[in-house]
């Protein structure tokens, strides 16, 4: 099953960003020293206003393609089709400086326009031989899968650094490092801080909502005002979310089964952190997630 239609799901892209791993970020000093990572992740200056032929919407998100259909009364109507919107990031990444983080020869890394967690990125391949395929089919190509794993690992480092930049000032385990950085202690003498990379998840949905292949690179906290209903939550917290490291799936893997995955989306809610069950009480889950987020970021 697809993710929510009202969330044209995930977007982002920018033409010039290094793909190498980062050495350091400004973890406790928001607004002080601006390092390479902060420059990379910061929204880019708005581009000049496009002409009327541009496919970009005023908000910097690709305008939907449209299908003309007939309603029950026989009248022709036009409806939006968001599912193909990711193609614009593949073809014209330079049109979206607010969303694009990195463009390489093989992939585009963007911010999800409707993030379901503190950090939520999408890695989109640029190969026409693969991006129109279902991810589980595309990942049968071992060379393509190896490339996507490498690109995703690099993107996960960027995501972990962004997560650190956002929340490390609340972290007990990063306190000594943050204080040392504020004092200007050289990088190679800084005490060890919290490692945020294990808090970054990499994977695909069993039934993606968007037409073009994309890999989610998302922090595990599920803390976002864009998290609005059951499918949003369960698509990331049940086997509906398939870790990239599990691919390629065996032909008999139950995660390929549509009825199994529909069942996952329909499950009662379970907290990702403590395992508490909430049944169908989404509002109660959301309140609980606020508490868990506060505890998690303070670790």
Protein backbone atom coordinates (compact mmCIF):
# COMPACT_ATOMS: atom_id res chain seq x y z
CA UNK A 1 0.00 0.00 0.00
CA UNK A 2 1.20 3.48 -0.75
CA UNK A 3 1.96 6.09 1.83
CA UNK A 4 -0.43 8.97 2.34
CA UNK A 5 -1.41 10.71 -0.88
CA UNK A 6 -1.56 14.10 0.80
CA UNK A 7 2.16 13.79 1.46
CA UNK A 8 3.73 13.94 -1.99
CA UNK A 9 6.22 12.01 0.11
CA UNK A 10 9.86 13.01 -0.14
CA UNK A 11 11.87 15.70 -1.84
CA UNK A 12 15.21 17.65 -1.92
CA UNK A 13 18.34 18.42 -4.01
CA UNK A 14 21.37 20.75 -4.60
CA UNK A 15 24.05 20.76 -7.25
CA UNK A 16 27.32 21.18 -5.37
CA UNK A 17 27.95 19.20 -2.24
CA UNK A 18 30.94 17.00 -1.43
CA UNK A 19 30.23 13.30 -1.00
CA UNK A 20 33.06 12.67 1.43
CA UNK A 21 32.44 11.89 5.09
CA UNK A 22 32.49 14.82 7.47
CA UNK A 23 35.18 15.38 10.05
CA UNK A 24 33.33 17.56 12.53
CA UNK A 25 30.18 19.58 13.07
CA UNK A 26 29.16 22.42 15.34
CA UNK A 27 27.40 20.28 17.91
CA UNK A 28 26.63 22.62 20.74
CA UNK A 29 27.11 26.04 19.33
CA UNK A 30 24.15 26.92 17.18
CA UNK A 31 24.95 30.12 15.38
CA UNK A 32 28.64 30.25 16.37
CA UNK A 33 31.26 28.71 14.10
CA UNK A 34 29.89 27.62 10.76
CA UNK A 35 31.76 24.60 9.49
CA UNK A 36 31.68 22.62 6.27
CA UNK A 37 28.77 20.47 7.40
CA UNK A 38 26.63 23.41 8.43
CA UNK A 39 27.31 25.02 5.07
CA UNK A 40 26.36 21.82 3.28
CA UNK A 41 23.12 21.14 5.14
CA UNK A 42 21.93 24.75 5.33
CA UNK A 43 19.17 25.70 2.86
CA UNK A 44 20.65 27.25 -0.24
CA UNK A 45 19.79 30.80 -1.40
CA UNK A 46 16.59 30.96 -3.35
CA UNK A 47 17.11 30.82 -7.07
CA UNK A 48 15.73 33.39 -9.46
CA UNK A 49 12.01 33.09 -10.03
CA UNK A 50 11.40 30.60 -12.85
CA UNK A 51 9.38 31.46 -15.92
CA UNK A 52 5.89 30.14 -16.48
CA UNK A 53 7.18 27.01 -18.21
CA UNK A 54 9.02 25.83 -15.11
CA UNK A 55 7.76 22.66 -13.43
CA UNK A 56 8.58 23.98 -9.97
CA UNK A 57 5.87 25.16 -7.60
CA UNK A 58 6.30 28.40 -5.62
CA UNK A 59 7.23 26.40 -2.52
CA UNK A 60 10.21 24.81 -4.25
CA UNK A 61 8.48 21.44 -4.56
CA UNK A 62 7.84 20.00 -8.02
CA UNK A 63 4.37 20.80 -9.27
CA UNK A 64 2.27 17.67 -9.66
CA UNK A 65 1.73 16.14 -13.04
CA UNK A 66 -1.93 16.00 -13.95
CA UNK A 67 -4.27 13.37 -15.33
CA UNK A 68 -7.49 14.29 -17.11
CA UNK A 69 -10.25 11.91 -16.10
CA UNK A 70 -14.02 11.71 -16.35
CA UNK A 71 -16.12 11.73 -13.23
CA UNK A 72 -19.32 9.79 -12.71
CA UNK A 73 -21.28 12.56 -14.41
CA UNK A 74 -19.22 12.34 -17.57
CA UNK A 75 -17.45 15.68 -17.03
CA UNK A 76 -13.71 15.88 -17.60
CA UNK A 77 -11.74 16.81 -14.49
CA UNK A 78 -8.05 17.29 -13.76
CA UNK A 79 -6.45 15.64 -10.75
CA UNK A 80 -2.93 15.86 -9.39
CA UNK A 81 -0.58 12.92 -9.62
CA UNK A 82 2.21 13.47 -7.10
CA UNK A 83 3.69 10.02 -7.46
CA UNK A 84 5.96 11.05 -10.34
CA UNK A 85 7.34 14.19 -8.70
CA UNK A 86 10.76 12.75 -7.85
CA UNK A 87 11.73 12.69 -11.52
CA UNK A 88 12.13 16.46 -11.41
CA UNK A 89 14.93 16.09 -8.86
CA UNK A 90 16.67 13.58 -11.11
CA UNK A 91 16.35 15.66 -14.26
CA UNK A 92 16.69 19.18 -12.83
CA UNK A 93 18.36 19.11 -9.41
CA UNK A 94 19.60 22.66 -9.91
CA UNK A 95 15.99 23.86 -9.84
CA UNK A 96 15.65 22.96 -6.16
CA UNK A 97 18.42 24.63 -4.15
CA UNK A 98 16.29 24.62 -1.00
CA UNK A 99 15.89 20.86 -1.00
CA UNK A 100 18.90 19.31 -2.68
CA UNK A 101 21.80 18.39 -0.43
CA UNK A 102 24.11 16.57 -2.81
CA UNK A 103 24.24 15.56 -6.45
CA UNK A 104 26.66 12.95 -7.73
CA UNK A 105 26.95 11.29 -11.12
CA UNK A 106 24.84 8.39 -9.84
CA UNK A 107 22.45 9.77 -7.22
CA UNK A 108 20.62 12.79 -5.89
CA UNK A 109 20.24 13.31 -2.14
CA UNK A 110 17.30 15.45 -1.06
CA UNK A 111 15.38 16.45 2.03
CA UNK A 112 12.01 14.77 2.34
CA UNK A 113 9.47 17.57 1.96
CA UNK A 114 7.22 15.82 4.48
CA UNK A 115 9.76 14.49 7.02
CA UNK A 116 8.57 11.86 9.46
CA UNK A 117 11.47 12.38 11.89
CA UNK A 118 14.01 15.00 12.96
CA UNK A 119 16.18 14.10 9.95
CA UNK A 120 14.61 12.52 6.89
CA UNK A 121 16.46 12.37 3.59
CA UNK A 122 15.82 10.57 0.30
CA UNK A 123 18.50 9.04 -1.88
CA UNK A 124 17.37 8.80 -5.50
CA UNK A 125 19.34 6.93 -8.19
CA UNK A 126 19.78 8.67 -11.53
CA UNK A 127 20.02 5.53 -13.66
CA UNK A 128 17.01 5.24 -16.04
CA UNK A 129 17.62 1.49 -16.09
CA UNK A 130 16.77 1.33 -12.39
CA UNK A 131 14.78 4.29 -11.12
CA UNK A 132 11.52 3.14 -12.72
CA UNK A 133 11.77 -0.29 -11.10
CA UNK A 134 10.35 -1.41 -7.79
CA UNK A 135 13.27 -1.30 -5.30
CA UNK A 136 13.12 -5.03 -4.60
CA UNK A 137 13.43 -5.70 -8.31
CA UNK A 138 16.15 -3.10 -8.89
CA UNK A 139 18.22 -4.45 -6.00
CA UNK A 140 18.49 -7.82 -7.69
CA UNK A 141 21.24 -6.10 -9.70
CA UNK A 142 24.21 -6.65 -7.42
CA UNK A 143 26.32 -3.84 -8.90
CA UNK A 144 23.48 -1.36 -8.56
CA UNK A 145 22.79 -2.49 -5.01
CA UNK A 146 26.47 -2.13 -4.08
CA UNK A 147 26.51 1.41 -5.50
CA UNK A 148 23.36 2.38 -3.61
CA UNK A 149 24.76 0.95 -0.38
CA UNK A 150 27.92 3.03 -0.77
CA UNK A 151 25.98 6.19 -1.55
CA UNK A 152 23.56 5.52 1.32
CA UNK A 153 26.41 4.99 3.78
CA UNK A 154 27.83 8.39 2.84
CA UNK A 155 24.38 9.99 3.09
CA UNK A 156 23.84 8.37 6.50
CA UNK A 157 26.98 10.13 7.75
CA UNK A 158 25.52 13.44 6.61
CA UNK A 159 22.23 12.59 8.31
CA UNK A 160 24.00 11.62 11.55
CA UNK A 161 25.93 14.87 11.51
CA UNK A 162 22.73 16.83 10.93
CA UNK A 163 21.09 14.97 13.81
CA UNK A 164 24.05 15.81 16.03
CA UNK A 165 23.84 19.45 15.03
CA UNK A 166 20.14 19.54 15.92
CA UNK A 167 20.03 17.70 19.24
CA UNK A 168 23.49 17.16 20.73
CA UNK A 169 23.15 20.26 22.92
CA UNK A 170 20.54 18.27 24.88
CA UNK A 171 22.72 15.17 25.22
CA UNK A 172 24.38 14.26 28.50
CA UNK A 173 26.91 12.06 26.71
CA UNK A 174 27.95 14.97 24.46
CA UNK A 175 28.19 17.60 27.20
CA UNK A 176 31.96 17.41 27.69
CA UNK A 177 32.60 17.51 23.95
CA UNK A 178 30.26 20.45 23.42
CA UNK A 179 31.89 22.41 26.20
CA UNK A 180 35.35 21.67 24.80
CA UNK A 181 34.27 22.83 21.35
CA UNK A 182 32.89 26.05 22.81
CA UNK A 183 36.30 26.65 24.37
CA UNK A 184 38.03 26.21 21.02
CA UNK A 185 39.80 22.96 21.90
CA UNK A 186 41.47 21.51 18.75
CA UNK A 187 39.48 18.80 17.03
CA UNK A 188 42.03 16.05 17.67
CA UNK A 189 41.90 16.79 21.42
CA UNK A 190 38.12 16.77 21.82
CA UNK A 191 36.60 14.17 24.14
CA UNK A 192 34.41 11.54 22.54
CA UNK A 193 30.75 12.50 22.23
CA UNK A 194 27.60 10.61 21.37
CA UNK A 195 27.66 8.57 18.17
CA UNK A 196 24.52 9.39 16.19
CA UNK A 197 25.14 7.07 13.26
CA UNK A 198 23.37 4.08 14.93
CA UNK A 199 20.27 6.30 15.19
CA UNK A 200 20.05 6.60 11.40
CA UNK A 201 17.99 4.01 9.53
CA UNK A 202 18.38 3.20 5.83
CA UNK A 203 15.72 1.37 3.88
CA UNK A 204 12.82 1.27 1.44
CA UNK A 205 9.09 0.76 1.73
CA UNK A 206 7.59 -2.52 0.60
CA UNK A 207 5.07 -0.62 -1.54
CA UNK A 208 6.47 2.86 -2.26
CA UNK A 209 4.04 5.73 -2.80
CA UNK A 210 6.30 7.44 -5.33
CA UNK A 211 6.92 6.13 -8.84
CA UNK A 212 10.69 6.51 -8.77
CA UNK A 213 13.00 4.44 -6.64
CA UNK A 214 14.16 6.16 -3.47
CA UNK A 215 15.89 5.07 -0.28
CA UNK A 216 14.84 6.61 3.03
CA UNK A 217 17.62 7.80 5.32
CA UNK A 218 15.81 8.69 8.50
CA UNK A 219 16.52 9.23 12.18
CA UNK A 220 14.70 6.75 14.39
CA UNK A 221 12.87 9.28 16.60
CA UNK A 222 9.64 9.69 14.55
CA UNK A 223 9.37 13.23 15.91
CA UNK A 224 7.62 15.41 13.33
CA UNK A 225 4.44 17.38 12.84
CA UNK A 226 4.21 15.66 9.45
CA UNK A 227 3.61 12.32 11.20
CA UNK A 228 -0.18 12.40 10.97
CA UNK A 229 -1.70 8.94 10.83
CA UNK A 230 -1.33 5.16 11.00
CA UNK A 231 0.37 4.59 7.65
CA UNK A 232 2.93 7.29 8.34
CA UNK A 233 3.98 5.58 11.56
CA UNK A 234 3.61 1.91 10.66
CA UNK A 235 5.35 2.27 7.31
CA UNK A 236 8.56 2.96 9.26
CA UNK A 237 8.00 0.82 12.36
CA UNK A 238 6.92 -2.56 11.02
CA UNK A 239 8.49 -4.92 8.45
CA UNK A 240 6.89 -2.65 5.83
CA UNK A 241 10.18 -0.76 6.15
CA UNK A 242 12.84 -2.99 4.59
CA UNK A 243 16.44 -2.20 5.62
CA UNK A 244 18.75 -1.78 2.65
CA UNK A 245 21.16 -4.19 4.28
CA UNK A 246 18.52 -6.96 3.95
CA UNK A 247 18.40 -6.61 0.18
CA UNK A 248 18.18 -8.48 -2.08
CA UNK A 249 15.26 -10.30 -0.48
CA UNK A 250 14.88 -13.99 -1.14
CA UNK A 251 12.01 -14.89 -3.44
CA UNK A 252 10.16 -16.56 -0.56
CA UNK A 253 10.67 -13.71 1.92
CA UNK A 254 7.28 -12.86 3.41
CA UNK A 255 8.04 -9.16 3.12
CA UNK A 256 7.35 -9.51 -0.60
CA UNK A 257 3.79 -10.53 0.16
CA UNK A 258 1.22 -7.77 -0.33
CA UNK A 259 -1.30 -9.13 2.16
CA UNK A 260 1.43 -9.45 4.79
CA UNK A 261 2.45 -5.84 4.26
CA UNK A 262 -1.14 -4.59 4.26
CA UNK A 263 -1.43 -6.27 7.62
CA UNK A 264 1.65 -4.45 8.87
CA UNK A 265 0.17 -1.08 7.92
CA UNK A 266 -3.04 -1.96 9.76
CA UNK A 267 -1.35 -3.06 12.99
CA UNK A 268 -1.87 -1.37 16.32
CA UNK A 269 0.76 1.18 17.30
CA UNK A 270 3.89 0.13 19.20
CA UNK A 271 6.40 2.66 20.51
CA UNK A 272 9.68 2.39 18.63
CA UNK A 273 11.70 3.02 21.80
CA UNK A 274 10.02 1.29 24.75
CA UNK A 275 7.69 -1.17 23.04
CA UNK A 276 4.54 0.10 24.73
CA UNK A 277 1.38 -0.77 22.79
CA UNK A 278 -1.26 1.84 21.95
CA UNK A 279 -3.72 -0.11 19.83
CA UNK A 280 -5.50 2.34 17.53
CA UNK A 281 -4.92 5.38 19.74
CA UNK A 282 -2.81 7.57 17.49
CA UNK A 283 -3.24 10.78 19.51
CA UNK A 284 -2.08 8.93 22.62
CA UNK A 285 0.91 7.55 20.71
CA UNK A 286 1.85 11.05 19.56
CA UNK A 287 1.84 12.36 23.11
CA UNK A 288 3.97 9.41 24.20
CA UNK A 289 6.43 10.03 21.35
CA UNK A 290 7.00 13.55 22.66
CA UNK A 291 8.07 12.10 26.01
CA UNK A 292 10.26 9.47 24.38
CA UNK A 293 11.88 12.08 22.15
CA UNK A 294 12.84 14.17 25.18
CA UNK A 295 14.41 11.15 26.87
CA UNK A 296 16.12 9.93 23.71
CA UNK A 297 17.75 13.24 22.79
CA UNK A 298 19.03 13.68 26.36
CA UNK A 299 20.92 10.36 26.39
